[in-house]
Every structure is written in structure tokens, then in C-alpha cells.
Amino acid sequence: MPLVTTKDMFEKSMKKHFAIGAFNVNNMELIQGIVDAAAEENSPVILQASSSAIKYARIGYLKKMVEASLDEHDIPVALHLDHGPDFETCKMCIDNGFSSVMIDGSKYDFEENIDLTKKVVEYAHSKGVVVEAELGKLAGIEDEVNVESSDAMYTDPEQAKEFVERTGCDSLAIAIGTSHGAYKFKGDAKLRFDILQKVKEKLPNTPIVLHGASTVIPELVDMCNKYGGEIPGAKGVPDEMLYEASISGVSKINVDTDLRLAMTGAIRKIFVEDPSAFDPRKYLTPARDLIKQTVQHKIRDVFGSSNQI
């Protein structure tokens, strides 16, 4: 099956009240683990790459590895640019065969965000590509996203409606209390589901996206720390909250940190248990297996997208 846009999968997610996992990729093992998991669960899936991931892996390599996964599995897969920082990056991804792009103009004021998003939407739509935009600011650090907690702000539902109407974006990432990275909450996790409800009332036909939504799975954090890591106090969004989001109108949930933890924990474990290991296949195979398990858990137990093709 060729790459698809997110249009059909989002329409189904809104009708049947489930979310689709958008998993960040930057190497072969991540792509294989994610797509193998989605295929076993009979689930649509979004593979997404940030601009820094593209700089690391190179866009041609990423595209060819994704295409190889499509040759193996007959499931809907979208290739998405995550947090596109400018028009030029979005254009580069569109011209290189991505089926979806995100333009993140949340660092600009409202009117500047609208102007930038409209420019990307016009170009993307002329090429048959869909566009995700963002309104509101998430705190935290991940790849090239770095926002102080004092600068974070919730999405205004009234502004969200105006923003979508004026830009023509196909989906909207909103800020309801999640944050990027492994340290999302100092105290109890809290999401503003009241804001989500108001946004959905204003935009009933617009797919809503949740960024900064890794669980920061405690077992994976413990594995990293047990085998020499130093990730004290890492805390994410509980599965129960993500499940509530998936049945309450969120169509796309982003996952990056949990995949990093899975890969790093599995590799650390091999190095500690077998210091003689130096064959990359020996430590990357269990890393890929744990990524697959992690993605299957998300799809089946949290997002509800199993058997939704």
C-alpha cells in the first residue's frame, strides 16, 4: 500500500472515538518496530520525523526505509513532518514525498501564526498533502522544541475556531497541559479536558492533536536507571488520561519519549549483562523488539486503534 494522508484515518477516528498513534522515527529499528506492531494490531499508524531527525537520518534514507515497510505490510501509513519550523522545511518534506506536514507557528503571535500556516496550507494542498498546525504553547524540551514552563499557554477555544477557519489547516494541535520531554509534571498529572471539550464543540469536524503525550512508562524509566542511566523523577501523562483523550475527541497522539526510553533501556541492559557485546545486531534487535511491544501497548490498550482499518 502506498503512503496515505491522515484524512481518512482521522475521519474514522472521529466517528468511532479512538486515536491514532503518531510515533517519531529516525532510524531503521524504530520504523520496523512501529510498523510491525501496527500491522499485528491491524491499525493505521503515523510515522513522523522532526527537522532534527531529518538532519540526522537524511530525508532520502527516511523515505526509502518507510517505503520498505510499506512493501512488507498492507496497512495505512502516513509519513508526517513533526514540528516543521518554517515554510522551507515543510516544502522540502512535501517535495520529497511526505504525505502530511506540521507547521508549528505557535511561537509567533496569532496573526503571524495564521499567515505562516496559510502559506504552508496553500502549497501543501496544491500537492495533495495535508497540514497540521498548532495553537497554544507546550512547555518542555524535545529535539528543537524548547519552551519554558512560564511561557506555556493553553489554547483558547474561540481563537482555535477562528484559526482553523482562516488558515484552512486540516488538523490542529492544542495545548491542554501536556509538555515535551521526560519531565512533564512535578506533581500530579493534570490535563484540561474542559478546554478539549470546548474546542471540539467549536470544531466538531476538525481532528485534534495532542503533543507531548508520552506516558514516560515507569518500567522503561526503571530499566534505564537500573542499567546505568540517570533519569530521576521522570514523569509523563498516565495511560488513563491518554485513553480519556482518545475517546473525547483527540484523533492523533504523539509518542517520542517512550520510544527513546525503550530503545535506550534495552541497549543498556545488553551492555551491562554482556560487556563483551559489540555486534550492533545483538543490542539493536532487543531494542527493536521492545519498541514493538511498547507501540502495541499504546495501540491496543491506550489509543483503541486496533482493528480499525
C-alpha atoms as a PDB file:
ATOM      1  CA  MET A   1       0.000   0.000   0.000  1.00  0.00           C
ATOM      2  CA  PRO A   2       1.379   3.465  -0.861  1.00  0.00           C
ATOM      3  CA  LEU A   3       1.647   6.239   1.702  1.00  0.00           C
ATOM      4  CA  VAL A   4      -1.679   7.842   2.588  1.00  0.00           C
ATOM      5  CA  THR A   5      -2.661  11.171   4.079  1.00  0.00           C
ATOM      6  CA  THR A   6      -4.276  11.298   7.500  1.00  0.00           C
ATOM      7  CA  LYS A   7      -7.641  12.398   6.070  1.00  0.00           C
ATOM      8  CA  ASP A   8      -9.454   9.059   6.030  1.00  0.00           C
ATOM      9  CA  MET A   9      -7.920   7.738   9.243  1.00  0.00           C
ATOM     10  CA  PHE A  10      -8.878  10.913  11.102  1.00  0.00           C
ATOM     11  CA  GLU A  11     -12.443  10.853   9.781  1.00  0.00           C
ATOM     12  CA  LYS A  12     -12.831   7.305  11.062  1.00  0.00           C
ATOM     13  CA  SER A  13     -11.223   8.154  14.402  1.00  0.00           C
ATOM     14  CA  MET A  14     -13.712  10.987  14.979  1.00  0.00           C
ATOM     15  CA  LYS A  15     -16.685   8.789  14.113  1.00  0.00           C
ATOM     16  CA  LYS A  16     -15.580   5.804  16.213  1.00  0.00           C
ATOM     17  CA  HIS A  17     -13.840   7.666  19.064  1.00  0.00           C
ATOM     18  CA  PHE A  18     -10.306   6.361  19.009  1.00  0.00           C
ATOM     19  CA  ALA A  19      -6.925   7.987  18.485  1.00  0.00           C
ATOM     20  CA  ILE A  20      -4.114   7.172  16.072  1.00  0.00           C
ATOM     21  CA  GLY A  21      -0.581   6.943  17.356  1.00  0.00           C
ATOM     22  CA  ALA A  22       1.986   9.215  15.732  1.00  0.00           C
ATOM     23  CA  PHE A  23       5.401   7.766  16.518  1.00  0.00           C
ATOM     24  CA  ASN A  24       8.669   9.618  15.953  1.00  0.00           C
ATOM     25  CA  VAL A  25      11.283   7.880  13.831  1.00  0.00           C
ATOM     26  CA  ASN A  26      14.917   8.467  12.947  1.00  0.00           C
ATOM     27  CA  ASN A  27      16.376   5.030  12.185  1.00  0.00           C
ATOM     28  CA  MET A  28      15.534   1.627  10.755  1.00  0.00           C
ATOM     29  CA  GLU A  29      14.851  -0.169  14.034  1.00  0.00           C
ATOM     30  CA  LEU A  30      12.261   2.404  15.097  1.00  0.00           C
ATOM     31  CA  ILE A  31      10.460   2.193  11.753  1.00  0.00           C
ATOM     32  CA  GLN A  32      10.478  -1.610  11.769  1.00  0.00           C
ATOM     33  CA  GLY A  33       9.291  -1.906  15.370  1.00  0.00           C
ATOM     34  CA  ILE A  34       6.472   0.611  14.921  1.00  0.00           C
ATOM     35  CA  VAL A  35       5.122  -0.679  11.609  1.00  0.00           C
ATOM     36  CA  ASP A  36       5.439  -4.339  12.667  1.00  0.00           C
ATOM     37  CA  ALA A  37       3.393  -3.513  15.777  1.00  0.00           C
ATOM     38  CA  ALA A  38       0.735  -1.616  13.808  1.00  0.00           C
ATOM     39  CA  ALA A  39       0.456  -4.453  11.301  1.00  0.00           C
ATOM     40  CA  GLU A  40      -0.051  -7.047  14.032  1.00  0.00           C
ATOM     41  CA  GLU A  41      -2.718  -4.852  15.615  1.00  0.00           C
ATOM     42  CA  ASN A  42      -4.362  -4.128  12.240  1.00  0.00           C
ATOM     43  CA  SER A  43      -4.096  -0.423  12.998  1.00  0.00           C
ATOM     44  CA  PRO A  44      -3.422   2.695  10.934  1.00  0.00           C
ATOM     45  CA  VAL A  45      -0.252   4.462  12.006  1.00  0.00           C
ATOM     46  CA  ILE A  46       1.577   7.759  11.535  1.00  0.00           C
ATOM     47  CA  LEU A  47       5.364   7.815  11.252  1.00  0.00           C
ATOM     48  CA  GLN A  48       6.698  11.263  11.946  1.00  0.00           C
ATOM     49  CA  ALA A  49      10.110  12.886  11.762  1.00  0.00           C
ATOM     50  CA  SER A  50      11.199  16.196  13.226  1.00  0.00           C
ATOM     51  CA  SER A  51      13.537  18.519  11.364  1.00  0.00           C
ATOM     52  CA  SER A  52      16.422  17.406  13.602  1.00  0.00           C
ATOM     53  CA  ALA A  53      15.607  13.738  12.895  1.00  0.00           C
ATOM     54  CA  ILE A  54      15.723  14.538   9.179  1.00  0.00           C
ATOM     55  CA  LYS A  55      19.121  16.231   9.617  1.00  0.00           C
ATOM     56  CA  TYR A  56      20.363  13.135  11.446  1.00  0.00           C
ATOM     57  CA  ALA A  57      18.987  10.374   9.203  1.00  0.00           C
ATOM     58  CA  ARG A  58      18.765  12.353   5.932  1.00  0.00           C
ATOM     59  CA  ILE A  59      15.442  12.670   4.187  1.00  0.00           C
ATOM     60  CA  GLY A  60      16.145  10.202   1.372  1.00  0.00           C
ATOM     61  CA  TYR A  61      17.100   7.441   3.792  1.00  0.00           C
ATOM     62  CA  LEU A  62      13.994   8.022   5.909  1.00  0.00           C
ATOM     63  CA  LYS A  63      11.700   7.943   2.893  1.00  0.00           C
ATOM     64  CA  LYS A  64      13.244   4.746   1.489  1.00  0.00           C
ATOM     65  CA  MET A  65      13.082   2.960   4.864  1.00  0.00           C
ATOM     66  CA  VAL A  66       9.421   3.902   5.221  1.00  0.00           C
ATOM     67  CA  GLU A  67       8.749   2.694   1.687  1.00  0.00           C
ATOM     68  CA  ALA A  68      10.406  -0.627   2.568  1.00  0.00           C
ATOM     69  CA  SER A  69       7.969  -1.021   5.468  1.00  0.00           C
ATOM     70  CA  LEU A  70       5.071  -0.416   3.059  1.00  0.00           C
ATOM     71  CA  ASP A  71       6.327  -3.257   0.877  1.00  0.00           C
ATOM     72  CA  GLU A  72       6.088  -5.613   3.881  1.00  0.00           C
ATOM     73  CA  HIS A  73       2.732  -4.568   5.333  1.00  0.00           C
ATOM     74  CA  ASP A  74      -0.650  -3.650   3.854  1.00  0.00           C
ATOM     75  CA  ILE A  75      -1.823  -1.067   6.397  1.00  0.00           C
ATOM     76  CA  PRO A  76      -2.482   2.698   6.138  1.00  0.00           C
ATOM     77  CA  VAL A  77       0.735   4.586   6.914  1.00  0.00           C
ATOM     78  CA  ALA A  78       1.174   8.361   6.795  1.00  0.00           C
ATOM     79  CA  LEU A  79       4.615  10.000   6.751  1.00  0.00           C
ATOM     80  CA  HIS A  80       4.456  13.272   8.661  1.00  0.00           C
ATOM     81  CA  LEU A  81       6.771  16.170   9.412  1.00  0.00           C
ATOM     82  CA  ASP A  82       6.645  16.883  13.147  1.00  0.00           C
ATOM     83  CA  HIS A  83       7.100  20.491  14.317  1.00  0.00           C
ATOM     84  CA  GLY A  84       8.068  21.979  10.974  1.00  0.00           C
ATOM     85  CA  PRO A  85       9.806  25.224  11.971  1.00  0.00           C
ATOM     86  CA  ASP A  86       9.314  27.166   8.727  1.00  0.00           C
ATOM     87  CA  PHE A  87       7.846  27.124   5.219  1.00  0.00           C
ATOM     88  CA  GLU A  88      11.095  25.919   3.650  1.00  0.00           C
ATOM     89  CA  THR A  89      11.246  22.756   5.787  1.00  0.00           C
ATOM     90  CA  CYS A  90       7.607  21.972   5.062  1.00  0.00           C
ATOM     91  CA  LYS A  91       8.179  22.480   1.332  1.00  0.00           C
ATOM     92  CA  MET A  92      11.240  20.214   1.396  1.00  0.00           C
ATOM     93  CA  CYS A  93       9.226  17.400   3.001  1.00  0.00           C
ATOM     94  CA  ILE A  94       6.275  17.863   0.648  1.00  0.00           C
ATOM     95  CA  ASP A  95       8.601  17.817  -2.368  1.00  0.00           C
ATOM     96  CA  ASN A  96      10.242  14.634  -1.044  1.00  0.00           C
ATOM     97  CA  GLY A  97       7.018  12.666  -0.743  1.00  0.00           C
ATOM     98  CA  PHE A  98       5.776  13.218   2.813  1.00  0.00           C
ATOM     99  CA  SER A  99       2.008  12.830   2.891  1.00  0.00           C
ATOM    100  CA  SER A 100       1.470  15.197   5.840  1.00  0.00           C
ATOM    101  CA  VAL A 101       3.325  18.131   7.379  1.00  0.00           C
ATOM    102  CA  MET A 102       3.047  20.170  10.532  1.00  0.00           C
ATOM    103  CA  ILE A 103       3.850  23.843  10.548  1.00  0.00           C
ATOM    104  CA  ASP A 104       4.480  24.977  14.114  1.00  0.00           C
ATOM    105  CA  GLY A 105       3.875  28.701  14.276  1.00  0.00           C
ATOM    106  CA  SER A 106       2.929  28.634  17.961  1.00  0.00           C
ATOM    107  CA  LYS A 107       5.977  30.739  18.872  1.00  0.00           C
ATOM    108  CA  TYR A 108       4.571  33.635  16.837  1.00  0.00           C
ATOM    109  CA  ASP A 109       1.670  35.892  17.687  1.00  0.00           C
ATOM    110  CA  PHE A 110      -1.801  34.918  16.456  1.00  0.00           C
ATOM    111  CA  GLU A 111      -1.761  36.832  13.155  1.00  0.00           C
ATOM    112  CA  GLU A 112       1.787  35.756  12.251  1.00  0.00           C
ATOM    113  CA  ASN A 113       0.867  32.138  13.004  1.00  0.00           C
ATOM    114  CA  ILE A 114      -2.149  32.447  10.706  1.00  0.00           C
ATOM    115  CA  ASP A 115      -0.109  33.972   7.858  1.00  0.00           C
ATOM    116  CA  LEU A 116       2.611  31.292   8.048  1.00  0.00           C
ATOM    117  CA  THR A 117       0.108  28.444   8.331  1.00  0.00           C
ATOM    118  CA  LYS A 118      -1.927  29.731   5.354  1.00  0.00           C
ATOM    119  CA  LYS A 119       1.222  29.827   3.224  1.00  0.00           C
ATOM    120  CA  VAL A 120       2.045  26.210   4.057  1.00  0.00           C
ATOM    121  CA  VAL A 121      -1.576  25.099   3.574  1.00  0.00           C
ATOM    122  CA  GLU A 122      -1.767  26.655   0.109  1.00  0.00           C
ATOM    123  CA  TYR A 123       1.387  24.910  -1.069  1.00  0.00           C
ATOM    124  CA  ALA A 124       0.625  21.572   0.607  1.00  0.00           C
ATOM    125  CA  HIS A 125      -2.936  21.368  -0.677  1.00  0.00           C
ATOM    126  CA  SER A 126      -1.748  22.084  -4.214  1.00  0.00           C
ATOM    127  CA  LYS A 127       0.364  18.898  -3.901  1.00  0.00           C
ATOM    128  CA  GLY A 128      -2.317  16.765  -2.222  1.00  0.00           C
ATOM    129  CA  VAL A 129      -0.657  16.934   1.205  1.00  0.00           C
ATOM    130  CA  VAL A 130      -2.473  17.670   4.482  1.00  0.00           C
ATOM    131  CA  VAL A 131      -1.373  20.153   7.134  1.00  0.00           C
ATOM    132  CA  GLU A 132      -1.352  20.107  10.921  1.00  0.00           C
ATOM    133  CA  ALA A 133      -0.960  23.425  12.724  1.00  0.00           C
ATOM    134  CA  GLU A 134      -0.557  24.381  16.380  1.00  0.00           C
ATOM    135  CA  LEU A 135      -2.245  26.940  18.601  1.00  0.00           C
ATOM    136  CA  GLY A 136      -1.090  27.367  22.185  1.00  0.00           C
ATOM    137  CA  LYS A 137       2.367  26.590  23.586  1.00  0.00           C
ATOM    138  CA  LEU A 138       3.538  23.385  25.250  1.00  0.00           C
ATOM    139  CA  ALA A 139       6.322  23.561  27.815  1.00  0.00           C
ATOM    140  CA  GLY A 140       9.314  21.233  27.754  1.00  0.00           C
ATOM    141  CA  ILE A 141      12.286  20.232  25.645  1.00  0.00           C
ATOM    142  CA  GLU A 142      12.341  17.737  22.791  1.00  0.00           C
ATOM    143  CA  ASP A 143      14.526  17.935  19.685  1.00  0.00           C
ATOM    144  CA  GLU A 144      14.367  21.573  18.582  1.00  0.00           C
ATOM    145  CA  VAL A 145      11.342  22.454  20.736  1.00  0.00           C
ATOM    146  CA  ASN A 146      12.316  24.326  23.898  1.00  0.00           C
ATOM    147  CA  VAL A 147       9.651  26.273  25.798  1.00  0.00           C
ATOM    148  CA  GLU A 148       9.966  27.446  29.402  1.00  0.00           C
ATOM    149  CA  SER A 149       7.028  26.458  31.613  1.00  0.00           C
ATOM    150  CA  SER A 150       6.408  30.132  32.338  1.00  0.00           C
ATOM    151  CA  ASP A 151       5.857  30.715  28.609  1.00  0.00           C
ATOM    152  CA  ALA A 152       3.436  27.818  28.092  1.00  0.00           C
ATOM    153  CA  MET A 153      -0.193  28.730  27.424  1.00  0.00           C
ATOM    154  CA  TYR A 154      -3.455  26.879  26.958  1.00  0.00           C
ATOM    155  CA  THR A 155      -5.318  27.007  23.673  1.00  0.00           C
ATOM    156  CA  ASP A 156      -8.240  29.433  23.551  1.00  0.00           C
ATOM    157  CA  PRO A 157     -11.274  27.623  22.011  1.00  0.00           C
ATOM    158  CA  GLU A 158     -12.624  30.787  20.355  1.00  0.00           C
ATOM    159  CA  GLN A 159      -9.241  31.505  18.802  1.00  0.00           C
ATOM    160  CA  ALA A 160      -8.987  27.871  17.695  1.00  0.00           C
ATOM    161  CA  LYS A 161     -12.192  28.185  15.672  1.00  0.00           C
ATOM    162  CA  GLU A 162     -11.059  31.414  14.021  1.00  0.00           C
ATOM    163  CA  PHE A 163      -7.601  29.968  13.356  1.00  0.00           C
ATOM    164  CA  VAL A 164      -8.897  26.877  11.545  1.00  0.00           C
ATOM    165  CA  GLU A 165     -11.421  28.873   9.523  1.00  0.00           C
ATOM    166  CA  ARG A 166      -8.844  31.412   8.385  1.00  0.00           C
ATOM    167  CA  THR A 167      -5.952  29.031   7.682  1.00  0.00           C
ATOM    168  CA  GLY A 168      -7.746  26.001   6.239  1.00  0.00           C
ATOM    169  CA  CYS A 169      -5.463  23.652   8.187  1.00  0.00           C
ATOM    170  CA  ASP A 170      -6.567  20.010   8.240  1.00  0.00           C
ATOM    171  CA  SER A 171      -5.846  19.254  11.916  1.00  0.00           C
ATOM    172  CA  LEU A 172      -4.966  21.292  14.972  1.00  0.00           C
ATOM    173  CA  ALA A 173      -2.565  20.613  17.832  1.00  0.00           C
ATOM    174  CA  ILE A 174      -3.831  22.188  21.039  1.00  0.00           C
ATOM    175  CA  ALA A 175      -2.309  22.846  24.463  1.00  0.00           C
ATOM    176  CA  ILE A 176      -4.266  21.372  27.389  1.00  0.00           C
ATOM    177  CA  GLY A 177      -1.432  20.691  29.829  1.00  0.00           C
ATOM    178  CA  THR A 178       0.886  18.159  28.206  1.00  0.00           C
ATOM    179  CA  SER A 179       4.569  19.000  27.671  1.00  0.00           C
ATOM    180  CA  HIS A 180       7.548  17.747  25.720  1.00  0.00           C
ATOM    181  CA  GLY A 181      10.292  15.526  27.088  1.00  0.00           C
ATOM    182  CA  ALA A 182      10.566  13.103  30.017  1.00  0.00           C
ATOM    183  CA  TYR A 183       9.751  15.571  32.814  1.00  0.00           C
ATOM    184  CA  LYS A 184       6.177  16.598  32.103  1.00  0.00           C
ATOM    185  CA  PHE A 185       4.844  17.026  35.650  1.00  0.00           C
ATOM    186  CA  LYS A 186       6.374  17.788  39.043  1.00  0.00           C
ATOM    187  CA  GLY A 187       3.229  16.953  40.994  1.00  0.00           C
ATOM    188  CA  ASP A 188       0.096  15.108  39.929  1.00  0.00           C
ATOM    189  CA  ALA A 189      -0.586  14.970  36.207  1.00  0.00           C
ATOM    190  CA  LYS A 190      -3.445  17.230  35.138  1.00  0.00           C
ATOM    191  CA  LEU A 191      -4.949  17.817  31.714  1.00  0.00           C
ATOM    192  CA  ARG A 192      -7.581  20.430  30.868  1.00  0.00           C
ATOM    193  CA  PHE A 193     -10.267  18.205  29.392  1.00  0.00           C
ATOM    194  CA  ASP A 194     -12.683  21.122  29.735  1.00  0.00           C
ATOM    195  CA  ILE A 195     -10.646  23.001  27.111  1.00  0.00           C
ATOM    196  CA  LEU A 196     -10.626  19.943  24.854  1.00  0.00           C
ATOM    197  CA  GLN A 197     -14.416  19.699  25.146  1.00  0.00           C
ATOM    198  CA  LYS A 198     -14.892  23.377  24.271  1.00  0.00           C
ATOM    199  CA  VAL A 199     -12.525  23.114  21.294  1.00  0.00           C
ATOM    200  CA  LYS A 200     -14.436  20.088  19.981  1.00  0.00           C
ATOM    201  CA  GLU A 201     -17.730  21.950  20.395  1.00  0.00           C
ATOM    202  CA  LYS A 202     -16.356  24.805  18.296  1.00  0.00           C
ATOM    203  CA  LEU A 203     -14.622  22.481  15.792  1.00  0.00           C
ATOM    204  CA  PRO A 204     -16.601  19.228  15.671  1.00  0.00           C
ATOM    205  CA  ASN A 205     -15.190  18.219  12.279  1.00  0.00           C
ATOM    206  CA  THR A 206     -11.533  19.152  12.849  1.00  0.00           C
ATOM    207  CA  PRO A 207      -9.135  16.431  14.018  1.00  0.00           C
ATOM    208  CA  ILE A 208      -7.430  17.430  17.260  1.00  0.00           C
ATOM    209  CA  VAL A 209      -3.807  16.530  18.050  1.00  0.00           C
ATOM    210  CA  LEU A 210      -2.092  16.023  21.404  1.00  0.00           C
ATOM    211  CA  HIS A 211       1.653  16.681  21.529  1.00  0.00           C
ATOM    212  CA  GLY A 212       3.966  15.894  24.443  1.00  0.00           C
ATOM    213  CA  ALA A 213       1.873  12.825  25.231  1.00  0.00           C
ATOM    214  CA  SER A 214       4.317  10.055  26.135  1.00  0.00           C
ATOM    215  CA  THR A 215       3.430   8.160  29.298  1.00  0.00           C
ATOM    216  CA  VAL A 216       7.121   8.053  30.264  1.00  0.00           C
ATOM    217  CA  ILE A 217       6.419   4.414  31.114  1.00  0.00           C
ATOM    218  CA  PRO A 218       7.756   3.781  34.644  1.00  0.00           C
ATOM    219  CA  GLU A 219       9.035   0.299  33.799  1.00  0.00           C
ATOM    220  CA  LEU A 220      11.134   1.736  30.972  1.00  0.00           C
ATOM    221  CA  VAL A 221      12.483   4.518  33.175  1.00  0.00           C
ATOM    222  CA  ASP A 222      13.362   1.897  35.821  1.00  0.00           C
ATOM    223  CA  MET A 223      15.129  -0.232  33.202  1.00  0.00           C
ATOM    224  CA  CYS A 224      17.236   2.712  32.051  1.00  0.00           C
ATOM    225  CA  ASN A 225      18.152   3.644  35.608  1.00  0.00           C
ATOM    226  CA  LYS A 226      18.846   0.047  36.671  1.00  0.00           C
ATOM    227  CA  TYR A 227      21.410  -0.372  33.927  1.00  0.00           C
ATOM    228  CA  GLY A 228      23.362   2.838  34.446  1.00  0.00           C
ATOM    229  CA  GLY A 229      21.025   5.597  33.327  1.00  0.00           C
ATOM    230  CA  GLU A 230      20.343   8.790  35.241  1.00  0.00           C
ATOM    231  CA  ILE A 231      16.730   9.796  34.663  1.00  0.00           C
ATOM    232  CA  PRO A 232      15.491  10.642  38.166  1.00  0.00           C
ATOM    233  CA  GLY A 233      11.929  11.852  38.626  1.00  0.00           C
ATOM    234  CA  ALA A 234      10.841  11.434  35.007  1.00  0.00           C
ATOM    235  CA  LYS A 235       7.059  11.625  34.791  1.00  0.00           C
ATOM    236  CA  GLY A 236       4.612  11.619  31.873  1.00  0.00           C
ATOM    237  CA  VAL A 237       0.920  11.522  31.028  1.00  0.00           C
ATOM    238  CA  PRO A 238      -0.768   8.457  32.591  1.00  0.00           C
ATOM    239  CA  ASP A 239      -2.309   5.932  30.217  1.00  0.00           C
ATOM    240  CA  GLU A 240      -5.723   6.552  31.772  1.00  0.00           C
ATOM    241  CA  MET A 241      -5.618  10.221  30.758  1.00  0.00           C
ATOM    242  CA  LEU A 242      -4.485   9.384  27.236  1.00  0.00           C
ATOM    243  CA  TYR A 243      -7.315   6.870  26.912  1.00  0.00           C
ATOM    244  CA  GLU A 244      -9.786   9.529  28.061  1.00  0.00           C
ATOM    245  CA  ALA A 245      -8.355  11.921  25.477  1.00  0.00           C
ATOM    246  CA  SER A 246      -8.712   9.291  22.743  1.00  0.00           C
ATOM    247  CA  ILE A 247     -12.422   8.794  23.410  1.00  0.00           C
ATOM    248  CA  SER A 248     -13.058  12.506  23.991  1.00  0.00           C
ATOM    249  CA  GLY A 249     -12.152  13.871  20.587  1.00  0.00           C
ATOM    250  CA  VAL A 250      -8.374  13.621  20.161  1.00  0.00           C
ATOM    251  CA  SER A 251      -7.564  11.957  16.823  1.00  0.00           C
ATOM    252  CA  LYS A 252      -3.738  11.948  16.922  1.00  0.00           C
ATOM    253  CA  ILE A 253      -1.488  11.344  19.931  1.00  0.00           C
ATOM    254  CA  ASN A 254       2.251  11.895  19.594  1.00  0.00           C
ATOM    255  CA  VAL A 255       4.767   9.491  21.136  1.00  0.00           C
ATOM    256  CA  ASP A 256       8.529  10.036  21.145  1.00  0.00           C
ATOM    257  CA  THR A 257       9.994   9.861  24.664  1.00  0.00           C
ATOM    258  CA  ASP A 258       8.588   6.387  25.361  1.00  0.00           C
ATOM    259  CA  LEU A 259      10.308   5.047  22.242  1.00  0.00           C
ATOM    260  CA  ARG A 260      13.618   6.613  23.270  1.00  0.00           C
ATOM    261  CA  LEU A 261      13.302   5.033  26.697  1.00  0.00           C
ATOM    262  CA  ALA A 262      12.518   1.615  25.217  1.00  0.00           C
ATOM    263  CA  MET A 263      15.480   1.693  22.857  1.00  0.00           C
ATOM    264  CA  THR A 264      17.902   3.043  25.431  1.00  0.00           C
ATOM    265  CA  GLY A 265      16.768   0.682  28.201  1.00  0.00           C
ATOM    266  CA  ALA A 266      17.087  -2.398  26.014  1.00  0.00           C
ATOM    267  CA  ILE A 267      20.545  -1.405  24.791  1.00  0.00           C
ATOM    268  CA  ARG A 268      21.780  -0.545  28.294  1.00  0.00           C
ATOM    269  CA  LYS A 269      20.582  -3.922  29.564  1.00  0.00           C
ATOM    270  CA  ILE A 270      22.594  -5.812  26.938  1.00  0.00           C
ATOM    271  CA  PHE A 271      25.751  -3.795  27.600  1.00  0.00           C
ATOM    272  CA  VAL A 272      25.572  -4.411  31.347  1.00  0.00           C
ATOM    273  CA  GLU A 273      24.648  -8.079  31.130  1.00  0.00           C
ATOM    274  CA  ASP A 274      27.125  -8.822  28.355  1.00  0.00           C
ATOM    275  CA  PRO A 275      30.067  -6.385  28.384  1.00  0.00           C
ATOM    276  CA  SER A 276      31.663  -8.362  25.549  1.00  0.00           C
ATOM    277  CA  ALA A 277      28.855  -7.452  23.142  1.00  0.00           C
ATOM    278  CA  PHE A 278      29.971  -5.309  20.228  1.00  0.00           C
ATOM    279  CA  ASP A 279      27.812  -6.613  17.359  1.00  0.00           C
ATOM    280  CA  PRO A 280      25.131  -3.924  16.780  1.00  0.00           C
ATOM    281  CA  ARG A 281      22.638  -6.649  15.836  1.00  0.00           C
ATOM    282  CA  LYS A 282      22.976  -8.126  19.318  1.00  0.00           C
ATOM    283  CA  TYR A 283      21.769  -4.959  21.053  1.00  0.00           C
ATOM    284  CA  LEU A 284      19.595  -3.387  18.355  1.00  0.00           C
ATOM    285  CA  THR A 285      17.423  -6.493  17.948  1.00  0.00           C
ATOM    286  CA  PRO A 286      16.141  -6.443  21.552  1.00  0.00           C
ATOM    287  CA  ALA A 287      15.769  -2.662  21.249  1.00  0.00           C
ATOM    288  CA  ARG A 288      13.554  -3.121  18.192  1.00  0.00           C
ATOM    289  CA  ASP A 289      11.559  -5.835  19.980  1.00  0.00           C
ATOM    290  CA  LEU A 290      10.903  -3.590  22.982  1.00  0.00           C
ATOM    291  CA  ILE A 291       9.864  -0.716  20.710  1.00  0.00           C
ATOM    292  CA  LYS A 292       7.379  -3.073  19.061  1.00  0.00           C
ATOM    293  CA  GLN A 293       5.963  -4.143  22.441  1.00  0.00           C
ATOM    294  CA  THR A 294       5.674  -0.522  23.558  1.00  0.00           C
ATOM    295  CA  VAL A 295       3.827   0.527  20.391  1.00  0.00           C
ATOM    296  CA  GLN A 296       1.476  -2.462  20.586  1.00  0.00           C
ATOM    297  CA  HIS A 297       0.573  -1.482  24.141  1.00  0.00           C
ATOM    298  CA  LYS A 298      -0.204   2.071  23.034  1.00  0.00           C
ATOM    299  CA  ILE A 299      -2.302   0.984  20.060  1.00  0.00           C
ATOM    300  CA  ARG A 300      -4.213  -1.788  21.811  1.00  0.00           C
ATOM    301  CA  ASP A 301      -4.601  -0.605  25.407  1.00  0.00           C
ATOM    302  CA  VAL A 302      -4.482   3.201  25.244  1.00  0.00           C
ATOM    303  CA  PHE A 303      -5.433   4.620  21.845  1.00  0.00           C
ATOM    304  CA  GLY A 304      -8.006   1.997  20.829  1.00  0.00           C
ATOM    305  CA  SER A 305      -6.952   1.819  17.187  1.00  0.00           C
ATOM    306  CA  SER A 306      -6.556  -1.963  16.977  1.00  0.00           C
ATOM    307  CA  ASN A 307      -8.646  -3.498  14.178  1.00  0.00           C
ATOM    308  CA  GLN A 308      -9.696  -0.063  12.930  1.00  0.00           C
ATOM    309  CA  ILE A 309      -8.605  -0.441   9.303  1.00  0.00           C
END
